[in-house]
């Protein structure tokens, strides 16, 4: 009788499991976005954004329109992502909508 492991070369030398010994893969973060584990902030200045020079997103445009109307301000509709973010931050500080007023 022959040894079954000797008739099948793959059984004699099985390939190592590439996932063996690795931590389970996860998505997201154990710390809320924009914060470090010690409670510090990770937020970057919009001027440092790689995509900051791109046109503002439709979501930014809609939200900025709402905040600007509530504040009685007019803003150009051609803002960049970074500029829109800065105006949103500024307008949120005085908006009853965000609880900062």
PDB file of N, CA and C in Angstrom:
ATOM      1  N   UNK A   1       0.849  -1.170   0.000  1.00  0.00           N
ATOM      2  CA  UNK A   1       0.000   0.000   0.000  1.00  0.00           C
ATOM      3  C   UNK A   1       0.894   1.233   0.000  1.00  0.00           C
ATOM      4  N   UNK A   2       0.513   2.253  -0.782  1.00  0.00           N
ATOM      5  CA  UNK A   2       1.322   3.463  -0.869  1.00  0.00           C
ATOM      6  C   UNK A   2       0.790   4.510   0.091  1.00  0.00           C
ATOM      7  N   UNK A   3       1.669   5.399   0.489  1.00  0.00           N
ATOM      8  CA  UNK A   3       1.293   6.491   1.380  1.00  0.00           C
ATOM      9  C   UNK A   3       0.524   7.513   0.549  1.00  0.00           C
ATOM     10  N   UNK A   4      -0.735   7.871   0.923  1.00  0.00           N
ATOM     11  CA  UNK A   4      -1.527   8.811   0.120  1.00  0.00           C
ATOM     12  C   UNK A   4      -0.843  10.170  -0.015  1.00  0.00           C
ATOM     13  N   UNK A   5      -0.080  10.600   0.994  1.00  0.00           N
ATOM     14  CA  UNK A   5       0.603  11.882   0.908  1.00  0.00           C
ATOM     15  C   UNK A   5       1.697  11.872  -0.146  1.00  0.00           C
ATOM     16  N   UNK A   6       2.237  10.726  -0.463  1.00  0.00           N
ATOM     17  CA  UNK A   6       3.332  10.632  -1.413  1.00  0.00           C
ATOM     18  C   UNK A   6       2.818  10.618  -2.849  1.00  0.00           C
ATOM     19  N   UNK A   7       1.548  10.266  -3.087  1.00  0.00           N
ATOM     20  CA  UNK A   7       1.014  10.219  -4.439  1.00  0.00           C
ATOM     21  C   UNK A   7       0.531  11.584  -4.900  1.00  0.00           C
ATOM     22  N   UNK A   8       0.244  12.488  -3.974  1.00  0.00           N
ATOM     23  CA  UNK A   8      -0.204  13.830  -4.311  1.00  0.00           C
ATOM     24  C   UNK A   8       0.834  14.818  -3.775  1.00  0.00           C
ATOM     25  N   UNK A   9       1.646  15.381  -4.684  1.00  0.00           N
ATOM     26  CA  UNK A   9       2.720  16.281  -4.219  1.00  0.00           C
ATOM     27  C   UNK A   9       2.206  17.476  -3.421  1.00  0.00           C
ATOM     28  N   UNK A  10       1.003  17.974  -3.721  1.00  0.00           N
ATOM     29  CA  UNK A  10       0.470  19.121  -2.984  1.00  0.00           C
ATOM     30  C   UNK A  10       0.172  18.755  -1.542  1.00  0.00           C
ATOM     31  N   UNK A  11      -0.187  17.520  -1.290  1.00  0.00           N
ATOM     32  CA  UNK A  11      -0.482  17.091   0.073  1.00  0.00           C
ATOM     33  C   UNK A  11       0.804  16.938   0.879  1.00  0.00           C
ATOM     34  N   UNK A  12       1.886  16.567   0.206  1.00  0.00           N
ATOM     35  CA  UNK A  12       3.156  16.371   0.910  1.00  0.00           C
ATOM     36  C   UNK A  12       3.721  17.712   1.385  1.00  0.00           C
ATOM     37  N   UNK A  13       3.544  18.777   0.576  1.00  0.00           N
ATOM     38  CA  UNK A  13       4.051  20.113   0.919  1.00  0.00           C
ATOM     39  C   UNK A  13       2.948  21.143   0.681  1.00  0.00           C
ATOM     40  N   UNK A  14       1.972  21.220   1.555  1.00  0.00           N
ATOM     41  CA  UNK A  14       0.888  22.183   1.333  1.00  0.00           C
ATOM     42  C   UNK A  14       1.416  23.613   1.370  1.00  0.00           C
ATOM     43  N   UNK A  15       0.790  24.463   0.547  1.00  0.00           N
ATOM     44  CA  UNK A  15       1.188  25.871   0.502  1.00  0.00           C
ATOM     45  C   UNK A  15       0.816  26.536   1.818  1.00  0.00           C
ATOM     46  N   UNK A  16       1.657  27.446   2.305  1.00  0.00           N
ATOM     47  CA  UNK A  16       1.327  28.133   3.561  1.00  0.00           C
ATOM     48  C   UNK A  16       0.128  29.044   3.366  1.00  0.00           C
ATOM     49  N   UNK A  17      -0.662  29.195   4.408  1.00  0.00           N
ATOM     50  CA  UNK A  17      -1.827  30.071   4.386  1.00  0.00           C
ATOM     51  C   UNK A  17      -1.331  31.508   4.488  1.00  0.00           C
ATOM     52  N   UNK A  18      -1.582  32.338   3.436  1.00  0.00           N
ATOM     53  CA  UNK A  18      -1.066  33.716   3.470  1.00  0.00           C
ATOM     54  C   UNK A  18      -1.681  34.567   4.576  1.00  0.00           C
ATOM     55  N   UNK A  19      -2.869  34.196   5.056  1.00  0.00           N
ATOM     56  CA  UNK A  19      -3.540  34.977   6.096  1.00  0.00           C
ATOM     57  C   UNK A  19      -3.197  34.502   7.506  1.00  0.00           C
ATOM     58  N   UNK A  20      -2.476  33.389   7.604  1.00  0.00           N
ATOM     59  CA  UNK A  20      -2.155  32.847   8.918  1.00  0.00           C
ATOM     60  C   UNK A  20      -1.239  33.812   9.664  1.00  0.00           C
ATOM     61  N   UNK A  21      -1.586  34.132  10.888  1.00  0.00           N
ATOM     62  CA  UNK A  21      -0.772  35.015  11.705  1.00  0.00           C
ATOM     63  C   UNK A  21      -1.094  36.491  11.520  1.00  0.00           C
ATOM     64  N   UNK A  22      -1.979  36.827  10.580  1.00  0.00           N
ATOM     65  CA  UNK A  22      -2.348  38.234  10.367  1.00  0.00           C
ATOM     66  C   UNK A  22      -3.534  38.600  11.237  1.00  0.00           C
ATOM     67  N   UNK A  23      -3.576  39.866  11.633  1.00  0.00           N
ATOM     68  CA  UNK A  23      -4.746  40.365  12.365  1.00  0.00           C
ATOM     69  C   UNK A  23      -5.911  40.456  11.387  1.00  0.00           C
ATOM     70  N   UNK A  24      -7.108  40.356  11.905  1.00  0.00           N
ATOM     71  CA  UNK A  24      -8.289  40.437  11.064  1.00  0.00           C
ATOM     72  C   UNK A  24      -8.345  41.805  10.383  1.00  0.00           C
ATOM     73  N   UNK A  25      -8.675  41.806   9.098  1.00  0.00           N
ATOM     74  CA  UNK A  25      -8.774  43.048   8.338  1.00  0.00           C
ATOM     75  C   UNK A  25     -10.012  43.822   8.781  1.00  0.00           C
ATOM     76  N   UNK A  26      -9.879  45.126   8.933  1.00  0.00           N
ATOM     77  CA  UNK A  26     -11.011  45.957   9.344  1.00  0.00           C
ATOM     78  C   UNK A  26     -11.117  47.178   8.456  1.00  0.00           C
ATOM     79  N   UNK A  27     -12.251  47.823   8.506  1.00  0.00           N
ATOM     80  CA  UNK A  27     -12.487  49.094   7.840  1.00  0.00           C
ATOM     81  C   UNK A  27     -12.797  50.118   8.912  1.00  0.00           C
ATOM     82  N   UNK A  28     -12.614  51.379   8.597  1.00  0.00           N
ATOM     83  CA  UNK A  28     -12.921  52.417   9.574  1.00  0.00           C
ATOM     84  C   UNK A  28     -11.777  52.609  10.543  1.00  0.00           C
ATOM     85  N   UNK A  29     -12.099  53.089  11.699  1.00  0.00           N
ATOM     86  CA  UNK A  29     -11.088  53.415  12.691  1.00  0.00           C
ATOM     87  C   UNK A  29     -11.646  53.215  14.090  1.00  0.00           C
ATOM     88  N   UNK A  30     -10.811  52.778  15.025  1.00  0.00           N
ATOM     89  CA  UNK A  30     -11.296  52.668  16.403  1.00  0.00           C
ATOM     90  C   UNK A  30     -11.444  54.029  17.077  1.00  0.00           C
ATOM     91  N   UNK A  31     -10.967  55.077  16.406  1.00  0.00           N
ATOM     92  CA  UNK A  31     -11.029  56.447  16.926  1.00  0.00           C
ATOM     93  C   UNK A  31     -11.888  57.256  15.956  1.00  0.00           C
ATOM     94  N   UNK A  32     -12.826  58.092  16.425  1.00  0.00           N
ATOM     95  CA  UNK A  32     -13.643  58.892  15.516  1.00  0.00           C
ATOM     96  C   UNK A  32     -12.787  59.715  14.556  1.00  0.00           C
ATOM     97  N   UNK A  33     -13.288  59.874  13.338  1.00  0.00           N
ATOM     98  CA  UNK A  33     -12.574  60.630  12.315  1.00  0.00           C
ATOM     99  C   UNK A  33     -12.263  62.033  12.810  1.00  0.00           C
ATOM    100  N   UNK A  34     -11.055  62.483  12.503  1.00  0.00           N
ATOM    101  CA  UNK A  34     -10.647  63.818  12.908  1.00  0.00           C
ATOM    102  C   UNK A  34     -10.054  63.883  14.297  1.00  0.00           C
ATOM    103  N   UNK A  35      -9.938  62.739  14.970  1.00  0.00           N
ATOM    104  CA  UNK A  35      -9.383  62.711  16.331  1.00  0.00           C
ATOM    105  C   UNK A  35      -8.284  61.667  16.430  1.00  0.00           C
ATOM    106  N   UNK A  36      -7.324  61.924  17.299  1.00  0.00           N
ATOM    107  CA  UNK A  36      -6.295  60.942  17.576  1.00  0.00           C
ATOM    108  C   UNK A  36      -6.706  60.154  18.810  1.00  0.00           C
ATOM    109  N   UNK A  37      -6.004  59.081  19.101  1.00  0.00           N
ATOM    110  CA  UNK A  37      -6.344  58.239  20.253  1.00  0.00           C
ATOM    111  C   UNK A  37      -6.287  59.015  21.566  1.00  0.00           C
ATOM    112  N   UNK A  38      -5.431  60.043  21.629  1.00  0.00           N
ATOM    113  CA  UNK A  38      -5.322  60.822  22.860  1.00  0.00           C
ATOM    114  C   UNK A  38      -6.269  62.030  22.871  1.00  0.00           C
ATOM    115  N   UNK A  39      -7.191  62.089  21.894  1.00  0.00           N
ATOM    116  CA  UNK A  39      -8.189  63.155  21.872  1.00  0.00           C
ATOM    117  C   UNK A  39      -7.782  64.375  21.064  1.00  0.00           C
ATOM    118  N   UNK A  40      -6.588  64.363  20.497  1.00  0.00           N
ATOM    119  CA  UNK A  40      -6.137  65.489  19.685  1.00  0.00           C
ATOM    120  C   UNK A  40      -6.849  65.523  18.337  1.00  0.00           C
ATOM    121  N   UNK A  41      -6.643  66.554  17.571  1.00  0.00           N
ATOM    122  CA  UNK A  41      -7.306  66.731  16.291  1.00  0.00           C
ATOM    123  C   UNK A  41      -6.385  66.364  15.136  1.00  0.00           C
ATOM    124  N   UNK A  42      -6.960  65.714  14.128  1.00  0.00           N
ATOM    125  CA  UNK A  42      -6.227  65.387  12.908  1.00  0.00           C
ATOM    126  C   UNK A  42      -6.658  66.259  11.739  1.00  0.00           C
ATOM    127  N   UNK A  43      -7.575  67.177  11.966  1.00  0.00           N
ATOM    128  CA  UNK A  43      -8.097  67.979  10.869  1.00  0.00           C
ATOM    129  C   UNK A  43      -6.992  68.817  10.252  1.00  0.00           C
ATOM    130  N   UNK A  44      -6.991  68.802   8.908  1.00  0.00           N
ATOM    131  CA  UNK A  44      -5.990  69.573   8.181  1.00  0.00           C
ATOM    132  C   UNK A  44      -6.608  70.866   7.671  1.00  0.00           C
ATOM    133  N   UNK A  45      -5.782  71.846   7.484  1.00  0.00           N
ATOM    134  CA  UNK A  45      -6.198  73.111   6.925  1.00  0.00           C
ATOM    135  C   UNK A  45      -6.671  72.865   5.488  1.00  0.00           C
ATOM    136  N   UNK A  46      -7.845  73.385   5.101  1.00  0.00           N
ATOM    137  CA  UNK A  46      -8.322  73.185   3.731  1.00  0.00           C
ATOM    138  C   UNK A  46      -7.317  73.637   2.671  1.00  0.00           C
ATOM    139  N   UNK A  47      -6.474  74.607   2.984  1.00  0.00           N
ATOM    140  CA  UNK A  47      -5.469  75.051   2.023  1.00  0.00           C
ATOM    141  C   UNK A  47      -4.450  73.954   1.718  1.00  0.00           C
ATOM    142  N   UNK A  48      -4.328  72.970   2.610  1.00  0.00           N
ATOM    143  CA  UNK A  48      -3.384  71.871   2.426  1.00  0.00           C
ATOM    144  C   UNK A  48      -3.991  70.671   1.712  1.00  0.00           C
ATOM    145  N   UNK A  49      -5.283  70.719   1.392  1.00  0.00           N
ATOM    146  CA  UNK A  49      -5.943  69.595   0.737  1.00  0.00           C
ATOM    147  C   UNK A  49      -5.387  69.402  -0.672  1.00  0.00           C
ATOM    148  N   UNK A  50      -5.192  68.170  -1.071  1.00  0.00           N
ATOM    149  CA  UNK A  50      -4.738  67.862  -2.423  1.00  0.00           C
ATOM    150  C   UNK A  50      -5.811  68.263  -3.430  1.00  0.00           C
ATOM    151  N   UNK A  51      -7.081  68.072  -3.091  1.00  0.00           N
ATOM    152  CA  UNK A  51      -8.182  68.391  -4.004  1.00  0.00           C
ATOM    153  C   UNK A  51      -8.821  69.739  -3.694  1.00  0.00           C
ATOM    154  N   UNK A  52      -8.174  70.552  -2.898  1.00  0.00           N
ATOM    155  CA  UNK A  52      -8.750  71.829  -2.479  1.00  0.00           C
ATOM    156  C   UNK A  52      -9.014  72.802  -3.596  1.00  0.00           C
ATOM    157  N   UNK A  53      -8.283  72.667  -4.709  1.00  0.00           N
ATOM    158  CA  UNK A  53      -8.469  73.582  -5.842  1.00  0.00           C
ATOM    159  C   UNK A  53      -9.579  73.147  -6.793  1.00  0.00           C
ATOM    160  N   UNK A  54     -10.149  71.965  -6.561  1.00  0.00           N
ATOM    161  CA  UNK A  54     -11.248  71.491  -7.396  1.00  0.00           C
ATOM    162  C   UNK A  54     -12.514  72.261  -7.048  1.00  0.00           C
ATOM    163  N   UNK A  55     -13.470  72.319  -7.977  1.00  0.00           N
ATOM    164  CA  UNK A  55     -14.739  72.998  -7.665  1.00  0.00           C
ATOM    165  C   UNK A  55     -15.426  72.339  -6.479  1.00  0.00           C
ATOM    166  N   UNK A  56     -16.169  73.143  -5.711  1.00  0.00           N
ATOM    167  CA  UNK A  56     -16.877  72.587  -4.556  1.00  0.00           C
ATOM    168  C   UNK A  56     -17.830  71.496  -5.017  1.00  0.00           C
ATOM    169  N   UNK A  57     -18.113  70.580  -4.110  1.00  0.00           N
ATOM    170  CA  UNK A  57     -19.028  69.485  -4.415  1.00  0.00           C
ATOM    171  C   UNK A  57     -20.467  69.996  -4.394  1.00  0.00           C
ATOM    172  N   UNK A  58     -21.361  69.205  -4.952  1.00  0.00           N
ATOM    173  CA  UNK A  58     -22.783  69.586  -4.935  1.00  0.00           C
ATOM    174  C   UNK A  58     -23.305  69.640  -3.505  1.00  0.00           C
ATOM    175  N   UNK A  59     -22.811  68.745  -2.649  1.00  0.00           N
ATOM    176  CA  UNK A  59     -23.241  68.760  -1.240  1.00  0.00           C
ATOM    177  C   UNK A  59     -22.782  70.047  -0.561  1.00  0.00           C
ATOM    178  N   UNK A  60     -21.525  70.452  -0.811  1.00  0.00           N
ATOM    179  CA  UNK A  60     -21.027  71.705  -0.236  1.00  0.00           C
ATOM    180  C   UNK A  60     -21.856  72.879  -0.748  1.00  0.00           C
ATOM    181  N   UNK A  61     -22.128  72.875  -2.039  1.00  0.00           N
ATOM    182  CA  UNK A  61     -22.871  73.975  -2.655  1.00  0.00           C
ATOM    183  C   UNK A  61     -24.262  74.109  -2.041  1.00  0.00           C
ATOM    184  N   UNK A  62     -24.943  72.995  -1.863  1.00  0.00           N
ATOM    185  CA  UNK A  62     -26.282  73.011  -1.288  1.00  0.00           C
ATOM    186  C   UNK A  62     -26.262  73.499   0.159  1.00  0.00           C
ATOM    187  N   UNK A  63     -25.348  72.953   0.955  1.00  0.00           N
ATOM    188  CA  UNK A  63     -25.272  73.335   2.370  1.00  0.00           C
ATOM    189  C   UNK A  63     -24.839  74.789   2.528  1.00  0.00           C
ATOM    190  N   UNK A  64     -23.880  75.212   1.718  1.00  0.00           N
ATOM    191  CA  UNK A  64     -23.401  76.592   1.774  1.00  0.00           C
ATOM    192  C   UNK A  64     -24.509  77.552   1.354  1.00  0.00           C
ATOM    193  N   UNK A  65     -25.310  77.173   0.380  1.00  0.00           N
ATOM    194  CA  UNK A  65     -26.435  78.003  -0.042  1.00  0.00           C
ATOM    195  C   UNK A  65     -27.403  78.198   1.124  1.00  0.00           C
ATOM    196  N   UNK A  66     -27.704  77.130   1.837  1.00  0.00           N
ATOM    197  CA  UNK A  66     -28.622  77.206   2.986  1.00  0.00           C
ATOM    198  C   UNK A  66     -28.040  78.103   4.076  1.00  0.00           C
ATOM    199  N   UNK A  67     -26.779  77.859   4.448  1.00  0.00           N
ATOM    200  CA  UNK A  67     -26.152  78.662   5.510  1.00  0.00           C
ATOM    201  C   UNK A  67     -26.047  80.131   5.122  1.00  0.00           C
ATOM    202  N   UNK A  68     -25.677  80.400   3.864  1.00  0.00           N
ATOM    203  CA  UNK A  68     -25.520  81.793   3.412  1.00  0.00           C
ATOM    204  C   UNK A  68     -26.871  82.514   3.394  1.00  0.00           C
ATOM    205  N   UNK A  69     -27.926  81.849   2.926  1.00  0.00           N
ATOM    206  CA  UNK A  69     -29.257  82.459   2.930  1.00  0.00           C
ATOM    207  C   UNK A  69     -29.694  82.786   4.346  1.00  0.00           C
ATOM    208  N   UNK A  70     -29.457  81.855   5.284  1.00  0.00           N
ATOM    209  CA  UNK A  70     -29.846  82.091   6.674  1.00  0.00           C
ATOM    210  C   UNK A  70     -29.061  83.247   7.289  1.00  0.00           C
ATOM    211  N   UNK A  71     -27.824  83.444   6.826  1.00  0.00           N
ATOM    212  CA  UNK A  71     -26.977  84.520   7.357  1.00  0.00           C
ATOM    213  C   UNK A  71     -27.164  85.823   6.585  1.00  0.00           C
ATOM    214  N   UNK A  72     -27.950  85.793   5.505  1.00  0.00           N
ATOM    215  CA  UNK A  72     -28.151  86.991   4.696  1.00  0.00           C
ATOM    216  C   UNK A  72     -26.927  87.362   3.885  1.00  0.00           C
ATOM    217  N   UNK A  73     -26.141  86.356   3.496  1.00  0.00           N
ATOM    218  CA  UNK A  73     -24.920  86.596   2.705  1.00  0.00           C
ATOM    219  C   UNK A  73     -25.071  86.040   1.300  1.00  0.00           C
ATOM    220  N   UNK A  74     -24.320  86.639   0.394  1.00  0.00           N
ATOM    221  CA  UNK A  74     -24.213  86.103  -0.962  1.00  0.00           C
ATOM    222  C   UNK A  74     -22.769  85.705  -1.190  1.00  0.00           C
ATOM    223  N   UNK A  75     -22.579  84.526  -1.758  1.00  0.00           N
ATOM    224  CA  UNK A  75     -21.236  84.015  -2.041  1.00  0.00           C
ATOM    225  C   UNK A  75     -21.178  83.575  -3.496  1.00  0.00           C
ATOM    226  N   UNK A  76     -19.989  83.644  -4.106  1.00  0.00           N
ATOM    227  CA  UNK A  76     -19.873  83.177  -5.493  1.00  0.00           C
ATOM    228  C   UNK A  76     -20.160  81.676  -5.589  1.00  0.00           C
ATOM    229  N   UNK A  77     -20.767  81.265  -6.682  1.00  0.00           N
ATOM    230  CA  UNK A  77     -21.080  79.856  -6.895  1.00  0.00           C
ATOM    231  C   UNK A  77     -19.898  79.107  -7.511  1.00  0.00           C
ATOM    232  N   UNK A  78     -18.763  79.771  -7.626  1.00  0.00           N
ATOM    233  CA  UNK A  78     -17.585  79.173  -8.270  1.00  0.00           C
ATOM    234  C   UNK A  78     -16.474  78.887  -7.268  1.00  0.00           C
ATOM    235  N   UNK A  79     -16.817  78.705  -6.003  1.00  0.00           N
ATOM    236  CA  UNK A  79     -15.808  78.457  -4.974  1.00  0.00           C
ATOM    237  C   UNK A  79     -15.138  77.091  -5.166  1.00  0.00           C
ATOM    238  N   UNK A  80     -13.920  76.986  -4.666  1.00  0.00           N
ATOM    239  CA  UNK A  80     -13.232  75.695  -4.646  1.00  0.00           C
ATOM    240  C   UNK A  80     -13.690  74.916  -3.417  1.00  0.00           C
ATOM    241  N   UNK A  81     -13.314  73.644  -3.344  1.00  0.00           N
ATOM    242  CA  UNK A  81     -13.642  72.827  -2.177  1.00  0.00           C
ATOM    243  C   UNK A  81     -13.091  73.458  -0.901  1.00  0.00           C
ATOM    244  N   UNK A  82     -11.856  73.934  -0.970  1.00  0.00           N
ATOM    245  CA  UNK A  82     -11.222  74.523   0.212  1.00  0.00           C
ATOM    246  C   UNK A  82     -11.930  75.810   0.624  1.00  0.00           C
ATOM    247  N   UNK A  83     -12.234  76.668  -0.341  1.00  0.00           N
ATOM    248  CA  UNK A  83     -12.922  77.926  -0.031  1.00  0.00           C
ATOM    249  C   UNK A  83     -14.307  77.656   0.544  1.00  0.00           C
ATOM    250  N   UNK A  84     -15.025  76.714  -0.061  1.00  0.00           N
ATOM    251  CA  UNK A  84     -16.363  76.374   0.432  1.00  0.00           C
ATOM    252  C   UNK A  84     -16.284  75.861   1.860  1.00  0.00           C
ATOM    253  N   UNK A  85     -15.305  75.019   2.152  1.00  0.00           N
ATOM    254  CA  UNK A  85     -15.148  74.479   3.497  1.00  0.00           C
ATOM    255  C   UNK A  85     -14.903  75.592   4.509  1.00  0.00           C
ATOM    256  N   UNK A  86     -14.074  76.550   4.146  1.00  0.00           N
ATOM    257  CA  UNK A  86     -13.776  77.663   5.052  1.00  0.00           C
ATOM    258  C   UNK A  86     -15.030  78.502   5.319  1.00  0.00           C
ATOM    259  N   UNK A  87     -15.821  78.762   4.260  1.00  0.00           N
ATOM    260  CA  UNK A  87     -17.060  79.529   4.444  1.00  0.00           C
ATOM    261  C   UNK A  87     -18.066  78.737   5.283  1.00  0.00           C
ATOM    262  N   UNK A  88     -18.152  77.440   5.052  1.00  0.00           N
ATOM    263  CA  UNK A  88     -19.068  76.606   5.846  1.00  0.00           C
ATOM    264  C   UNK A  88     -18.685  76.667   7.317  1.00  0.00           C
ATOM    265  N   UNK A  89     -17.391  76.504   7.604  1.00  0.00           N
ATOM    266  CA  UNK A  89     -16.933  76.571   9.000  1.00  0.00           C
ATOM    267  C   UNK A  89     -17.281  77.920   9.624  1.00  0.00           C
ATOM    268  N   UNK A  90     -17.045  78.991   8.881  1.00  0.00           N
ATOM    269  CA  UNK A  90     -17.310  80.341   9.390  1.00  0.00           C
ATOM    270  C   UNK A  90     -18.800  80.548   9.635  1.00  0.00           C
ATOM    271  N   UNK A  91     -19.627  80.150   8.674  1.00  0.00           N
ATOM    272  CA  UNK A  91     -21.068  80.364   8.807  1.00  0.00           C
ATOM    273  C   UNK A  91     -21.691  79.467   9.876  1.00  0.00           C
ATOM    274  N   UNK A  92     -21.144  78.276  10.058  1.00  0.00           N
ATOM    275  CA  UNK A  92     -21.657  77.376  11.093  1.00  0.00           C
ATOM    276  C   UNK A  92     -21.482  77.962  12.487  1.00  0.00           C
ATOM    277  N   UNK A  93     -20.430  78.733  12.687  1.00  0.00           N
ATOM    278  CA  UNK A  93     -20.171  79.310  14.015  1.00  0.00           C
ATOM    279  C   UNK A  93     -21.268  80.259  14.465  1.00  0.00           C
ATOM    280  N   UNK A  94     -21.998  80.829  13.504  1.00  0.00           N
ATOM    281  CA  UNK A  94     -23.045  81.797  13.846  1.00  0.00           C
ATOM    282  C   UNK A  94     -24.437  81.300  13.472  1.00  0.00           C
ATOM    283  N   UNK A  95     -24.584  80.029  13.177  1.00  0.00           N
ATOM    284  CA  UNK A  95     -25.858  79.520  12.710  1.00  0.00           C
ATOM    285  C   UNK A  95     -26.637  78.826  13.820  1.00  0.00           C
ATOM    286  N   UNK A  96     -27.913  79.191  13.967  1.00  0.00           N
ATOM    287  CA  UNK A  96     -28.744  78.467  14.927  1.00  0.00           C
ATOM    288  C   UNK A  96     -28.972  77.021  14.472  1.00  0.00           C
ATOM    289  N   UNK A  97     -28.815  76.751  13.185  1.00  0.00           N
ATOM    290  CA  UNK A  97     -28.996  75.403  12.627  1.00  0.00           C
ATOM    291  C   UNK A  97     -27.999  74.428  13.242  1.00  0.00           C
ATOM    292  N   UNK A  98     -26.784  74.901  13.522  1.00  0.00           N
ATOM    293  CA  UNK A  98     -25.730  74.019  14.037  1.00  0.00           C
ATOM    294  C   UNK A  98     -25.570  74.112  15.548  1.00  0.00           C
ATOM    295  N   UNK A  99     -26.383  74.936  16.179  1.00  0.00           N
ATOM    296  CA  UNK A  99     -26.340  75.053  17.629  1.00  0.00           C
ATOM    297  C   UNK A  99     -25.179  75.881  18.155  1.00  0.00           C
ATOM    298  N   UNK A 100     -24.528  76.615  17.267  1.00  0.00           N
ATOM    299  CA  UNK A 100     -23.387  77.439  17.690  1.00  0.00           C
ATOM    300  C   UNK A 100     -23.760  78.895  17.940  1.00  0.00           C
ATOM    301  N   UNK A 101     -24.938  79.296  17.499  1.00  0.00           N
ATOM    302  CA  UNK A 101     -25.311  80.717  17.624  1.00  0.00           C
ATOM    303  C   UNK A 101     -25.740  81.048  19.038  1.00  0.00           C
TER     304      UNK A 101
END
